Amino acid sequence: MARPKITPKNQRRQNINILLICDGKTEINYAKYVLNSCVSSKSNTIKIDARKLNSIEAAQKHIQICPTSFDAVFFLTDLENTQLSETKINSLITLQNSAKKLSNKKTKWAVFFNYPSIEYWYILHFAERAKSFMNATEAENFLKQKYSIYEKPMPRNRQEAEIFCANLESAINNCNNLDTTGHLLPYASRITSHVPLTNPMTEMPKLIDMIKKTKPTNKN
């Protein structure tokens, strides 16, 4: 009897565990039903634990009590308005600084932004759009023009997620091809980001790319 083929250790499929801290249910659903399904590769299975936590400290507490060993911790935050209070700006600066200090070879920490909201990222699944929005409500209303059945917090199940999965690459391409030069948000120079904080903008392609590049460094 032939011996079963043994897959080399460095070629075995591995699980990548990521903690994604979101603002609300819409982002959590997108991570659960779209990202978990669409960003895994042949060599790695991506498992995203998306949840709403209100601080770095809350994230650290969850990590301590959770049986899962996370390979990365990412924050996804909507900026929502062209004008932010000093308190909000300082809170975002503190979040970025804390994530930078916590990030190391063992576990990557990073913060990602949308302006005005996750709905702008949703729009890019259906259309190119570089025109500015005053707030998150404007973005949601425009999304409904392009995808009439949309309502928060879609996608609420795998069936509703199918169109977002199918259009994911189009959304990434639309985002990368848009020119928002000259539309910097008033607080753009004060908050560190992966791409310029413009009106509109999304760092979802950067987040997805970082998720794909995350290595299972916590595994023995």
N, C-alpha and C. Protein backbone atom coordinates (compact mmCIF):
# COMPACT_ATOMS: atom_id res chain seq x y z
N MET A 1 0.84 -1.19 0.00
CA MET A 1 0.00 0.00 0.00
C MET A 1 0.88 1.25 0.00
N ALA A 2 0.55 2.16 -0.88
CA ALA A 2 1.34 3.38 -0.98
C ALA A 2 1.15 4.25 0.25
N ARG A 3 2.24 4.85 0.69
CA ARG A 3 2.16 5.74 1.83
C ARG A 3 1.44 7.04 1.46
N PRO A 4 0.63 7.59 2.37
CA PRO A 4 -0.04 8.86 2.06
C PRO A 4 0.98 9.96 1.89
N LYS A 5 0.70 10.84 0.96
CA LYS A 5 1.61 11.96 0.70
C LYS A 5 1.58 12.92 1.88
N ILE A 6 2.76 13.25 2.36
CA ILE A 6 2.87 14.18 3.49
C ILE A 6 3.20 15.57 2.96
N THR A 7 2.34 16.52 3.30
CA THR A 7 2.56 17.90 2.87
C THR A 7 3.64 18.54 3.73
N PRO A 8 4.68 19.11 3.13
CA PRO A 8 5.71 19.79 3.91
C PRO A 8 5.10 20.81 4.85
N LYS A 9 5.71 20.97 6.02
CA LYS A 9 5.16 21.87 7.04
C LYS A 9 4.98 23.27 6.52
N ASN A 10 5.94 23.76 5.70
CA ASN A 10 5.85 25.13 5.21
C ASN A 10 4.84 25.30 4.09
N GLN A 11 4.20 24.19 3.65
CA GLN A 11 3.19 24.28 2.61
C GLN A 11 1.79 23.98 3.13
N ARG A 12 1.67 23.67 4.42
CA ARG A 12 0.36 23.35 4.97
C ARG A 12 -0.49 24.60 5.07
N ARG A 13 -1.78 24.42 4.87
CA ARG A 13 -2.72 25.53 4.98
C ARG A 13 -2.78 25.98 6.44
N GLN A 14 -2.65 27.28 6.66
CA GLN A 14 -2.61 27.81 8.01
C GLN A 14 -3.74 28.81 8.22
N ASN A 15 -4.17 28.93 9.47
CA ASN A 15 -5.20 29.90 9.82
C ASN A 15 -4.56 31.21 10.27
N ILE A 16 -5.04 32.31 9.71
CA ILE A 16 -4.63 33.64 10.12
C ILE A 16 -5.78 34.24 10.93
N ASN A 17 -5.54 34.55 12.18
CA ASN A 17 -6.58 35.10 13.05
C ASN A 17 -6.38 36.60 13.24
N ILE A 18 -7.41 37.36 12.89
CA ILE A 18 -7.34 38.82 12.94
C ILE A 18 -8.49 39.37 13.77
N LEU A 19 -8.17 40.28 14.67
CA LEU A 19 -9.18 41.00 15.43
C LEU A 19 -9.41 42.33 14.75
N LEU A 20 -10.64 42.58 14.30
CA LEU A 20 -10.98 43.82 13.61
C LEU A 20 -11.97 44.60 14.46
N ILE A 21 -11.55 45.76 14.95
CA ILE A 21 -12.39 46.61 15.79
C ILE A 21 -13.12 47.60 14.89
N CYS A 22 -14.44 47.57 14.91
CA CYS A 22 -15.27 48.36 14.00
C CYS A 22 -16.14 49.36 14.76
N ASP A 23 -16.66 50.34 14.00
CA ASP A 23 -17.56 51.33 14.59
C ASP A 23 -18.96 50.79 14.85
N GLY A 24 -19.41 49.86 13.99
CA GLY A 24 -20.79 49.41 14.14
C GLY A 24 -21.08 48.12 13.41
N LYS A 25 -22.36 47.77 13.36
CA LYS A 25 -22.81 46.49 12.83
C LYS A 25 -22.55 46.35 11.33
N THR A 26 -22.64 47.45 10.58
CA THR A 26 -22.44 47.37 9.13
C THR A 26 -21.03 46.87 8.81
N GLU A 27 -20.03 47.45 9.46
CA GLU A 27 -18.65 47.02 9.25
C GLU A 27 -18.43 45.59 9.72
N ILE A 28 -19.04 45.25 10.85
CA ILE A 28 -18.92 43.89 11.37
C ILE A 28 -19.48 42.89 10.37
N ASN A 29 -20.64 43.19 9.80
CA ASN A 29 -21.25 42.30 8.82
C ASN A 29 -20.40 42.16 7.56
N TYR A 30 -19.80 43.28 7.11
CA TYR A 30 -18.95 43.22 5.92
C TYR A 30 -17.76 42.31 6.16
N ALA A 31 -17.17 42.44 7.34
CA ALA A 31 -16.04 41.57 7.67
C ALA A 31 -16.47 40.11 7.76
N LYS A 32 -17.60 39.88 8.40
CA LYS A 32 -18.08 38.52 8.63
C LYS A 32 -18.47 37.81 7.35
N TYR A 33 -19.22 38.50 6.48
CA TYR A 33 -19.79 37.83 5.31
C TYR A 33 -19.02 38.06 4.02
N VAL A 34 -18.20 39.12 3.95
CA VAL A 34 -17.45 39.40 2.73
C VAL A 34 -15.97 39.09 2.91
N LEU A 35 -15.33 39.77 3.84
CA LEU A 35 -13.89 39.59 3.99
C LEU A 35 -13.52 38.17 4.38
N ASN A 36 -14.26 37.57 5.30
CA ASN A 36 -13.95 36.20 5.71
C ASN A 36 -14.05 35.22 4.55
N SER A 37 -14.90 35.54 3.57
CA SER A 37 -15.11 34.63 2.44
C SER A 37 -14.17 34.91 1.27
N CYS A 38 -13.75 36.17 1.13
CA CYS A 38 -13.11 36.58 -0.12
C CYS A 38 -11.60 36.79 -0.06
N VAL A 39 -11.02 36.88 1.12
CA VAL A 39 -9.60 37.23 1.16
C VAL A 39 -8.68 36.07 1.51
N SER A 40 -9.24 34.91 1.77
CA SER A 40 -8.39 33.74 2.05
C SER A 40 -7.66 33.30 0.77
N SER A 41 -6.50 32.70 0.95
CA SER A 41 -5.72 32.21 -0.18
C SER A 41 -5.62 30.69 -0.11
N LYS A 42 -4.96 30.09 -1.10
CA LYS A 42 -4.79 28.64 -1.11
C LYS A 42 -3.94 28.17 0.07
N SER A 43 -3.04 29.02 0.53
CA SER A 43 -2.14 28.61 1.60
C SER A 43 -2.61 29.02 2.99
N ASN A 44 -3.46 30.07 3.05
CA ASN A 44 -3.89 30.58 4.35
C ASN A 44 -5.40 30.80 4.40
N THR A 45 -6.01 30.44 5.51
CA THR A 45 -7.41 30.72 5.75
C THR A 45 -7.50 31.92 6.70
N ILE A 46 -8.18 32.96 6.24
CA ILE A 46 -8.33 34.17 7.04
C ILE A 46 -9.56 34.03 7.92
N LYS A 47 -9.39 34.23 9.21
CA LYS A 47 -10.51 34.23 10.15
C LYS A 47 -10.53 35.57 10.87
N ILE A 48 -11.55 36.38 10.58
CA ILE A 48 -11.64 37.72 11.15
C ILE A 48 -12.69 37.75 12.25
N ASP A 49 -12.27 38.11 13.42
CA ASP A 49 -13.18 38.32 14.55
C ASP A 49 -13.48 39.82 14.59
N ALA A 50 -14.61 40.22 14.03
CA ALA A 50 -14.97 41.64 13.96
C ALA A 50 -15.95 41.97 15.08
N ARG A 51 -15.66 43.03 15.81
CA ARG A 51 -16.54 43.41 16.91
C ARG A 51 -16.38 44.89 17.22
N LYS A 52 -17.36 45.42 17.94
CA LYS A 52 -17.35 46.82 18.34
C LYS A 52 -16.77 46.93 19.75
N LEU A 53 -15.63 47.59 19.85
CA LEU A 53 -14.99 47.87 21.13
C LEU A 53 -14.62 49.35 21.14
N ASN A 54 -14.68 49.99 22.29
CA ASN A 54 -14.57 51.46 22.30
C ASN A 54 -13.19 52.02 22.60
N SER A 55 -12.17 51.15 22.71
CA SER A 55 -10.85 51.68 23.03
C SER A 55 -9.78 50.61 22.84
N ILE A 56 -8.53 51.08 22.84
CA ILE A 56 -7.39 50.17 22.83
C ILE A 56 -7.43 49.24 24.04
N GLU A 57 -7.78 49.81 25.19
CA GLU A 57 -7.82 49.04 26.42
C GLU A 57 -8.86 47.93 26.34
N ALA A 58 -10.02 48.23 25.72
CA ALA A 58 -11.06 47.22 25.56
C ALA A 58 -10.58 46.10 24.64
N ALA A 59 -9.84 46.48 23.60
CA ALA A 59 -9.29 45.48 22.68
C ALA A 59 -8.29 44.58 23.40
N GLN A 60 -7.43 45.18 24.21
CA GLN A 60 -6.45 44.40 24.96
C GLN A 60 -7.12 43.45 25.95
N LYS A 61 -8.19 43.91 26.58
CA LYS A 61 -8.92 43.07 27.53
C LYS A 61 -9.54 41.88 26.81
N HIS A 62 -10.12 42.14 25.61
CA HIS A 62 -10.71 41.05 24.84
C HIS A 62 -9.65 40.03 24.45
N ILE A 63 -8.48 40.51 24.05
CA ILE A 63 -7.39 39.61 23.66
C ILE A 63 -6.98 38.71 24.83
N GLN A 64 -6.97 39.28 26.02
CA GLN A 64 -6.54 38.53 27.21
C GLN A 64 -7.50 37.38 27.55
N ILE A 65 -8.80 37.62 27.34
CA ILE A 65 -9.78 36.61 27.73
C ILE A 65 -10.19 35.69 26.58
N CYS A 66 -9.80 36.06 25.35
CA CYS A 66 -10.20 35.28 24.18
C CYS A 66 -9.26 34.09 24.00
N PRO A 67 -9.78 32.90 23.74
CA PRO A 67 -8.92 31.72 23.53
C PRO A 67 -8.14 31.79 22.22
N THR A 68 -8.57 32.65 21.30
CA THR A 68 -7.88 32.79 20.02
C THR A 68 -6.61 33.60 20.19
N SER A 69 -5.55 33.16 19.53
CA SER A 69 -4.30 33.92 19.50
C SER A 69 -4.27 34.73 18.21
N PHE A 70 -4.35 36.06 18.32
CA PHE A 70 -4.49 36.91 17.14
C PHE A 70 -3.13 37.24 16.53
N ASP A 71 -3.09 37.19 15.20
CA ASP A 71 -1.88 37.54 14.46
C ASP A 71 -1.83 39.02 14.12
N ALA A 72 -2.97 39.70 14.18
CA ALA A 72 -3.03 41.13 13.90
C ALA A 72 -4.28 41.72 14.55
N VAL A 73 -4.18 42.99 14.91
CA VAL A 73 -5.31 43.73 15.46
C VAL A 73 -5.46 45.01 14.65
N PHE A 74 -6.60 45.16 13.97
CA PHE A 74 -6.84 46.32 13.13
C PHE A 74 -8.08 47.07 13.60
N PHE A 75 -8.02 48.39 13.48
CA PHE A 75 -9.17 49.25 13.77
C PHE A 75 -9.68 49.84 12.46
N LEU A 76 -11.00 49.84 12.28
CA LEU A 76 -11.64 50.43 11.11
C LEU A 76 -12.60 51.51 11.59
N THR A 77 -12.32 52.77 11.23
CA THR A 77 -13.05 53.90 11.80
C THR A 77 -13.58 54.83 10.72
N ASP A 78 -14.83 55.25 10.85
CA ASP A 78 -15.44 56.24 9.97
C ASP A 78 -15.19 57.64 10.52
N LEU A 79 -14.74 58.56 9.66
CA LEU A 79 -14.50 59.94 10.08
C LEU A 79 -15.78 60.77 10.07
N GLU A 80 -16.71 60.44 9.18
CA GLU A 80 -18.11 60.90 9.17
C GLU A 80 -18.34 62.36 8.77
N ASN A 81 -17.57 63.31 9.28
CA ASN A 81 -17.85 64.72 9.02
C ASN A 81 -16.58 65.47 8.62
N THR A 82 -16.77 66.55 7.85
CA THR A 82 -15.62 67.36 7.43
C THR A 82 -15.00 68.10 8.60
N GLN A 83 -15.81 68.39 9.61
CA GLN A 83 -15.31 69.07 10.81
C GLN A 83 -15.39 68.12 12.00
N LEU A 84 -14.28 67.96 12.70
CA LEU A 84 -14.24 67.13 13.90
C LEU A 84 -13.84 67.98 15.09
N SER A 85 -14.37 67.65 16.24
CA SER A 85 -14.01 68.37 17.47
C SER A 85 -12.56 68.08 17.84
N GLU A 86 -11.98 68.95 18.63
CA GLU A 86 -10.62 68.73 19.11
C GLU A 86 -10.54 67.43 19.90
N THR A 87 -11.58 67.15 20.66
CA THR A 87 -11.61 65.92 21.44
C THR A 87 -11.54 64.70 20.54
N LYS A 88 -12.31 64.72 19.44
CA LYS A 88 -12.31 63.59 18.50
C LYS A 88 -10.97 63.46 17.80
N ILE A 89 -10.42 64.57 17.36
CA ILE A 89 -9.12 64.54 16.68
C ILE A 89 -8.05 63.98 17.60
N ASN A 90 -8.02 64.47 18.83
CA ASN A 90 -7.02 63.99 19.79
C ASN A 90 -7.21 62.51 20.10
N SER A 91 -8.46 62.06 20.13
CA SER A 91 -8.74 60.65 20.36
C SER A 91 -8.18 59.78 19.23
N LEU A 92 -8.33 60.25 17.98
CA LEU A 92 -7.82 59.51 16.84
C LEU A 92 -6.29 59.51 16.82
N ILE A 93 -5.69 60.63 17.20
CA ILE A 93 -4.23 60.71 17.28
C ILE A 93 -3.71 59.72 18.33
N THR A 94 -4.39 59.68 19.48
CA THR A 94 -4.01 58.75 20.54
C THR A 94 -4.14 57.30 20.08
N LEU A 95 -5.23 57.01 19.36
CA LEU A 95 -5.44 55.66 18.84
C LEU A 95 -4.30 55.25 17.91
N GLN A 96 -3.94 56.16 16.99
CA GLN A 96 -2.84 55.86 16.07
C GLN A 96 -1.53 55.65 16.81
N ASN A 97 -1.23 56.52 17.74
CA ASN A 97 0.03 56.41 18.49
C ASN A 97 0.08 55.12 19.30
N SER A 98 -1.04 54.76 19.91
CA SER A 98 -1.09 53.53 20.71
C SER A 98 -0.91 52.29 19.84
N ALA A 99 -1.57 52.28 18.68
CA ALA A 99 -1.43 51.15 17.77
C ALA A 99 0.01 51.00 17.29
N LYS A 100 0.65 52.13 17.02
CA LYS A 100 2.04 52.10 16.56
C LYS A 100 2.95 51.52 17.64
N LYS A 101 2.73 51.89 18.89
CA LYS A 101 3.55 51.38 19.99
C LYS A 101 3.34 49.89 20.23
N LEU A 102 2.10 49.43 20.04
CA LEU A 102 1.78 48.03 20.30
C LEU A 102 2.21 47.10 19.17
N SER A 103 2.34 47.65 17.97
CA SER A 103 2.68 46.82 16.81
C SER A 103 4.11 46.32 16.91
N ASN A 104 4.30 45.02 16.67
CA ASN A 104 5.63 44.42 16.73
C ASN A 104 5.67 43.20 15.82
N LYS A 105 6.79 42.48 15.86
CA LYS A 105 6.94 41.32 15.00
C LYS A 105 5.94 40.23 15.32
N LYS A 106 5.47 40.17 16.57
CA LYS A 106 4.55 39.12 16.98
C LYS A 106 3.13 39.42 16.53
N THR A 107 2.66 40.64 16.75
CA THR A 107 1.29 41.02 16.41
C THR A 107 1.27 42.42 15.80
N LYS A 108 0.71 42.53 14.61
CA LYS A 108 0.60 43.81 13.93
C LYS A 108 -0.64 44.55 14.40
N TRP A 109 -0.48 45.83 14.75
CA TRP A 109 -1.59 46.71 15.09
C TRP A 109 -1.62 47.85 14.08
N ALA A 110 -2.81 48.23 13.61
CA ALA A 110 -2.91 49.33 12.65
C ALA A 110 -4.33 49.89 12.65
N VAL A 111 -4.45 51.13 12.20
CA VAL A 111 -5.74 51.84 12.15
C VAL A 111 -6.02 52.22 10.70
N PHE A 112 -7.28 52.05 10.28
CA PHE A 112 -7.70 52.38 8.92
C PHE A 112 -8.96 53.25 8.97
N PHE A 113 -9.06 54.17 7.99
CA PHE A 113 -10.16 55.13 7.99
C PHE A 113 -11.01 55.06 6.73
N ASN A 114 -12.27 55.47 6.88
CA ASN A 114 -13.15 55.78 5.76
C ASN A 114 -13.65 57.21 5.94
N TYR A 115 -13.77 57.95 4.83
CA TYR A 115 -14.50 59.21 4.90
C TYR A 115 -15.48 59.24 3.73
N PRO A 116 -16.77 59.51 4.00
CA PRO A 116 -17.28 59.78 5.34
C PRO A 116 -17.61 58.54 6.15
N SER A 117 -17.79 57.38 5.45
CA SER A 117 -18.25 56.18 6.15
C SER A 117 -17.97 54.95 5.30
N ILE A 118 -18.27 53.78 5.84
CA ILE A 118 -18.11 52.53 5.11
C ILE A 118 -18.98 52.53 3.85
N GLU A 119 -20.05 53.32 3.85
CA GLU A 119 -20.92 53.37 2.67
C GLU A 119 -20.18 53.89 1.44
N TYR A 120 -19.16 54.73 1.64
CA TYR A 120 -18.38 55.16 0.47
C TYR A 120 -17.66 53.97 -0.15
N TRP A 121 -17.12 53.09 0.67
CA TRP A 121 -16.50 51.87 0.15
C TRP A 121 -17.53 51.02 -0.57
N TYR A 122 -18.73 50.95 -0.03
CA TYR A 122 -19.79 50.20 -0.69
C TYR A 122 -20.10 50.79 -2.06
N ILE A 123 -20.14 52.13 -2.15
CA ILE A 123 -20.41 52.80 -3.43
C ILE A 123 -19.45 52.32 -4.50
N LEU A 124 -18.19 52.18 -4.15
CA LEU A 124 -17.17 51.80 -5.13
C LEU A 124 -17.36 50.38 -5.66
N HIS A 125 -18.20 49.59 -5.03
CA HIS A 125 -18.55 48.27 -5.57
C HIS A 125 -19.45 48.40 -6.79
N PHE A 126 -20.07 49.58 -6.96
CA PHE A 126 -21.07 49.76 -8.01
C PHE A 126 -20.76 50.91 -8.96
N ALA A 127 -19.88 51.83 -8.58
CA ALA A 127 -19.63 53.01 -9.41
C ALA A 127 -18.32 53.67 -9.04
N GLU A 128 -17.76 54.44 -10.00
CA GLU A 128 -16.64 55.32 -9.69
C GLU A 128 -17.22 56.61 -9.12
N ARG A 129 -16.63 57.08 -8.07
CA ARG A 129 -17.17 58.29 -7.43
C ARG A 129 -16.05 59.00 -6.69
N ALA A 130 -15.69 60.22 -7.15
CA ALA A 130 -14.67 61.02 -6.47
C ALA A 130 -15.25 62.32 -5.93
N LYS A 131 -16.51 62.59 -6.24
CA LYS A 131 -17.14 63.82 -5.76
C LYS A 131 -17.29 63.78 -4.25
N SER A 132 -17.15 64.94 -3.63
CA SER A 132 -17.13 65.00 -2.17
C SER A 132 -18.51 64.80 -1.54
N PHE A 133 -18.49 64.43 -0.27
CA PHE A 133 -19.70 64.29 0.55
C PHE A 133 -19.54 65.17 1.79
N MET A 134 -20.62 65.79 2.22
CA MET A 134 -20.57 66.60 3.43
C MET A 134 -20.58 65.74 4.68
N ASN A 135 -21.22 64.57 4.59
CA ASN A 135 -21.33 63.72 5.78
C ASN A 135 -21.72 62.30 5.36
N ALA A 136 -21.87 61.43 6.35
CA ALA A 136 -22.17 60.02 6.09
C ALA A 136 -23.56 59.82 5.51
N THR A 137 -24.50 60.69 5.88
CA THR A 137 -25.87 60.57 5.35
C THR A 137 -25.89 60.77 3.84
N GLU A 138 -25.12 61.75 3.35
CA GLU A 138 -25.03 61.98 1.90
C GLU A 138 -24.48 60.74 1.19
N ALA A 139 -23.48 60.11 1.77
CA ALA A 139 -22.90 58.92 1.15
C ALA A 139 -23.91 57.78 1.10
N GLU A 140 -24.65 57.60 2.18
CA GLU A 140 -25.65 56.53 2.21
C GLU A 140 -26.75 56.78 1.18
N ASN A 141 -27.18 58.02 1.04
CA ASN A 141 -28.22 58.36 0.06
C ASN A 141 -27.73 58.11 -1.36
N PHE A 142 -26.46 58.44 -1.64
CA PHE A 142 -25.91 58.20 -2.97
C PHE A 142 -25.80 56.70 -3.23
N LEU A 143 -25.41 55.94 -2.23
CA LEU A 143 -25.32 54.49 -2.38
C LEU A 143 -26.67 53.91 -2.77
N LYS A 144 -27.74 54.41 -2.18
CA LYS A 144 -29.08 53.91 -2.50
C LYS A 144 -29.48 54.23 -3.93
N GLN A 145 -28.89 55.28 -4.52
CA GLN A 145 -29.14 55.57 -5.93
C GLN A 145 -28.49 54.51 -6.83
N LYS A 146 -27.37 53.99 -6.39
CA LYS A 146 -26.63 53.00 -7.17
C LYS A 146 -27.04 51.56 -6.86
N TYR A 147 -27.52 51.36 -5.63
CA TYR A 147 -27.92 50.02 -5.18
C TYR A 147 -29.19 50.20 -4.37
N SER A 148 -30.31 50.20 -5.08
CA SER A 148 -31.58 50.67 -4.52
C SER A 148 -32.08 49.88 -3.32
N ILE A 149 -31.68 48.62 -3.19
CA ILE A 149 -32.21 47.81 -2.09
C ILE A 149 -31.35 47.92 -0.82
N TYR A 150 -30.33 48.77 -0.87
CA TYR A 150 -29.44 48.86 0.29
C TYR A 150 -30.16 49.42 1.52
N GLU A 151 -29.89 48.81 2.64
CA GLU A 151 -30.30 49.34 3.94
C GLU A 151 -29.31 48.83 4.99
N LYS A 152 -29.05 49.67 5.97
CA LYS A 152 -28.13 49.27 7.04
C LYS A 152 -28.75 48.15 7.86
N PRO A 153 -28.01 47.19 8.37
CA PRO A 153 -26.54 47.04 8.25
C PRO A 153 -26.14 45.97 7.24
N MET A 154 -26.56 46.09 5.99
CA MET A 154 -26.19 45.11 4.97
C MET A 154 -24.66 45.06 4.81
N PRO A 155 -24.19 43.82 4.45
CA PRO A 155 -24.89 42.56 4.22
C PRO A 155 -25.18 41.83 5.54
N ARG A 156 -26.43 41.37 5.66
CA ARG A 156 -26.86 40.72 6.90
C ARG A 156 -26.78 39.20 6.84
N ASN A 157 -26.42 38.68 5.67
CA ASN A 157 -26.30 37.23 5.50
C ASN A 157 -25.45 36.96 4.27
N ARG A 158 -25.17 35.69 4.02
CA ARG A 158 -24.30 35.32 2.90
C ARG A 158 -24.92 35.69 1.55
N GLN A 159 -26.24 35.58 1.45
CA GLN A 159 -26.89 35.91 0.18
C GLN A 159 -26.71 37.39 -0.15
N GLU A 160 -26.91 38.27 0.83
CA GLU A 160 -26.74 39.70 0.60
C GLU A 160 -25.28 40.05 0.33
N ALA A 161 -24.37 39.21 0.80
CA ALA A 161 -22.94 39.48 0.62
C ALA A 161 -22.44 39.11 -0.76
N GLU A 162 -23.20 38.31 -1.50
CA GLU A 162 -22.73 37.79 -2.78
C GLU A 162 -22.34 38.90 -3.75
N ILE A 163 -23.15 39.95 -3.84
CA ILE A 163 -22.86 41.02 -4.80
C ILE A 163 -21.61 41.79 -4.39
N PHE A 164 -21.38 41.92 -3.09
CA PHE A 164 -20.19 42.62 -2.62
C PHE A 164 -18.94 41.79 -2.89
N CYS A 165 -19.03 40.48 -2.71
CA CYS A 165 -17.91 39.60 -3.03
C CYS A 165 -17.61 39.63 -4.53
N ALA A 166 -18.66 39.59 -5.33
CA ALA A 166 -18.49 39.58 -6.79
C ALA A 166 -17.86 40.87 -7.29
N ASN A 167 -18.14 41.98 -6.62
CA ASN A 167 -17.66 43.29 -7.07
C ASN A 167 -16.45 43.79 -6.28
N LEU A 168 -15.86 42.94 -5.47
CA LEU A 168 -14.76 43.38 -4.61
C LEU A 168 -13.58 43.92 -5.41
N GLU A 169 -13.15 43.20 -6.43
CA GLU A 169 -12.01 43.66 -7.22
C GLU A 169 -12.33 44.96 -7.95
N SER A 170 -13.58 45.11 -8.41
CA SER A 170 -14.00 46.36 -9.05
C SER A 170 -13.91 47.52 -8.07
N ALA A 171 -14.31 47.27 -6.83
CA ALA A 171 -14.24 48.32 -5.80
C ALA A 171 -12.80 48.74 -5.56
N ILE A 172 -11.90 47.77 -5.48
CA ILE A 172 -10.48 48.08 -5.28
C ILE A 172 -9.94 48.88 -6.46
N ASN A 173 -10.26 48.45 -7.67
CA ASN A 173 -9.80 49.16 -8.86
C ASN A 173 -10.38 50.56 -8.93
N ASN A 174 -11.67 50.70 -8.64
CA ASN A 174 -12.29 52.03 -8.64
C ASN A 174 -11.61 52.95 -7.65
N CYS A 175 -11.31 52.42 -6.48
CA CYS A 175 -10.65 53.21 -5.44
C CYS A 175 -9.27 53.65 -5.90
N ASN A 176 -8.50 52.73 -6.46
CA ASN A 176 -7.13 53.04 -6.87
C ASN A 176 -7.07 53.99 -8.06
N ASN A 177 -8.13 54.03 -8.87
CA ASN A 177 -8.12 54.85 -10.07
C ASN A 177 -8.68 56.26 -9.87
N LEU A 178 -9.31 56.51 -8.72
CA LEU A 178 -9.94 57.81 -8.51
C LEU A 178 -8.91 58.86 -8.10
N ASP A 179 -9.13 60.09 -8.58
CA ASP A 179 -8.26 61.21 -8.25
C ASP A 179 -8.99 62.16 -7.31
N THR A 180 -8.59 62.16 -6.05
CA THR A 180 -9.21 63.07 -5.08
C THR A 180 -8.21 64.13 -4.63
N THR A 181 -7.18 64.36 -5.44
CA THR A 181 -6.17 65.37 -5.12
C THR A 181 -6.83 66.73 -4.94
N GLY A 182 -6.42 67.43 -3.91
CA GLY A 182 -6.96 68.77 -3.68
C GLY A 182 -8.17 68.82 -2.80
N HIS A 183 -8.65 67.65 -2.35
CA HIS A 183 -9.83 67.60 -1.50
C HIS A 183 -9.47 67.16 -0.08
N LEU A 184 -8.34 67.62 0.43
CA LEU A 184 -7.91 67.22 1.76
C LEU A 184 -8.90 67.68 2.83
N LEU A 185 -9.15 66.81 3.79
CA LEU A 185 -9.99 67.18 4.93
C LEU A 185 -9.23 68.15 5.82
N PRO A 186 -9.93 69.04 6.53
CA PRO A 186 -9.27 70.07 7.33
C PRO A 186 -8.28 69.53 8.36
N TYR A 187 -8.52 68.32 8.83
CA TYR A 187 -7.67 67.73 9.87
C TYR A 187 -6.67 66.71 9.32
N ALA A 188 -6.54 66.66 7.99
CA ALA A 188 -5.72 65.63 7.34
C ALA A 188 -4.26 65.66 7.80
N SER A 189 -3.72 66.84 8.03
CA SER A 189 -2.30 66.94 8.39
C SER A 189 -2.03 66.52 9.82
N ARG A 190 -3.07 66.35 10.61
CA ARG A 190 -2.89 66.05 12.04
C ARG A 190 -3.03 64.56 12.37
N ILE A 191 -3.64 63.81 11.47
CA ILE A 191 -3.92 62.39 11.74
C ILE A 191 -3.14 61.52 10.76
N THR A 192 -2.32 60.65 11.28
CA THR A 192 -1.54 59.75 10.43
C THR A 192 -2.47 58.75 9.74
N SER A 193 -2.20 58.50 8.45
CA SER A 193 -3.05 57.58 7.70
C SER A 193 -2.22 56.88 6.63
N HIS A 194 -2.78 55.81 6.06
CA HIS A 194 -2.09 55.05 5.02
C HIS A 194 -2.19 55.74 3.67
N VAL A 195 -3.27 56.48 3.44
CA VAL A 195 -3.45 57.29 2.24
C VAL A 195 -3.91 58.67 2.71
N PRO A 196 -3.77 59.71 1.87
CA PRO A 196 -4.21 61.04 2.29
C PRO A 196 -5.69 61.06 2.69
N LEU A 197 -5.98 61.81 3.75
CA LEU A 197 -7.37 61.93 4.21
C LEU A 197 -8.07 62.99 3.38
N THR A 198 -8.71 62.51 2.32
CA THR A 198 -9.40 63.40 1.39
C THR A 198 -10.91 63.19 1.50
N ASN A 199 -11.65 64.04 0.83
CA ASN A 199 -13.11 63.94 0.77
C ASN A 199 -13.51 63.61 -0.66
N PRO A 200 -13.88 62.33 -0.94
CA PRO A 200 -14.00 61.18 -0.05
C PRO A 200 -12.71 60.35 -0.04
N MET A 201 -12.68 59.32 0.79
CA MET A 201 -11.54 58.39 0.80
C MET A 201 -11.91 57.12 1.55
N THR A 202 -11.15 56.08 1.27
CA THR A 202 -11.29 54.83 2.02
C THR A 202 -9.95 54.12 2.03
N GLU A 203 -9.62 53.53 3.15
CA GLU A 203 -8.41 52.73 3.26
C GLU A 203 -8.71 51.24 3.23
N MET A 204 -9.91 50.89 2.77
CA MET A 204 -10.27 49.47 2.71
C MET A 204 -9.32 48.65 1.84
N PRO A 205 -8.89 49.14 0.66
CA PRO A 205 -7.91 48.35 -0.10
C PRO A 205 -6.62 48.12 0.67
N LYS A 206 -6.18 49.12 1.44
CA LYS A 206 -4.98 48.97 2.26
C LYS A 206 -5.22 47.95 3.37
N LEU A 207 -6.39 48.00 3.97
CA LEU A 207 -6.74 47.03 5.01
C LEU A 207 -6.75 45.62 4.45
N ILE A 208 -7.41 45.44 3.31
CA ILE A 208 -7.49 44.11 2.69
C ILE A 208 -6.10 43.59 2.34
N ASP A 209 -5.26 44.47 1.79
CA ASP A 209 -3.90 44.08 1.44
C ASP A 209 -3.11 43.66 2.68
N MET A 210 -3.27 44.40 3.78
CA MET A 210 -2.55 44.06 5.01
C MET A 210 -3.07 42.75 5.60
N ILE A 211 -4.38 42.52 5.49
CA ILE A 211 -4.94 41.25 5.96
C ILE A 211 -4.32 40.09 5.18
N LYS A 212 -4.24 40.24 3.86
CA LYS A 212 -3.68 39.18 3.02
C LYS A 212 -2.21 38.92 3.33
N LYS A 213 -1.50 39.96 3.74
CA LYS A 213 -0.06 39.83 3.99
C LYS A 213 0.26 39.39 5.42
N THR A 214 -0.75 39.33 6.27
CA THR A 214 -0.51 38.93 7.66
C THR A 214 -0.04 37.48 7.73
N LYS A 215 0.99 37.26 8.50
CA LYS A 215 1.56 35.92 8.67
C LYS A 215 1.14 35.34 10.02
N PRO A 216 1.04 34.03 10.11
CA PRO A 216 0.65 33.38 11.38
C PRO A 216 1.81 33.34 12.36
N THR A 217 2.27 34.51 12.77
CA THR A 217 3.46 34.59 13.62
C THR A 217 3.23 34.09 15.03
N ASN A 218 1.95 34.00 15.44
CA ASN A 218 1.66 33.52 16.79
C ASN A 218 1.63 32.00 16.89
N LYS A 219 1.73 31.33 15.75
CA LYS A 219 1.64 29.87 15.76
C LYS A 219 2.97 29.26 16.14
N ASN A 220 2.89 28.16 16.84
CA ASN A 220 4.12 27.47 17.24
C ASN A 220 4.64 26.61 16.08
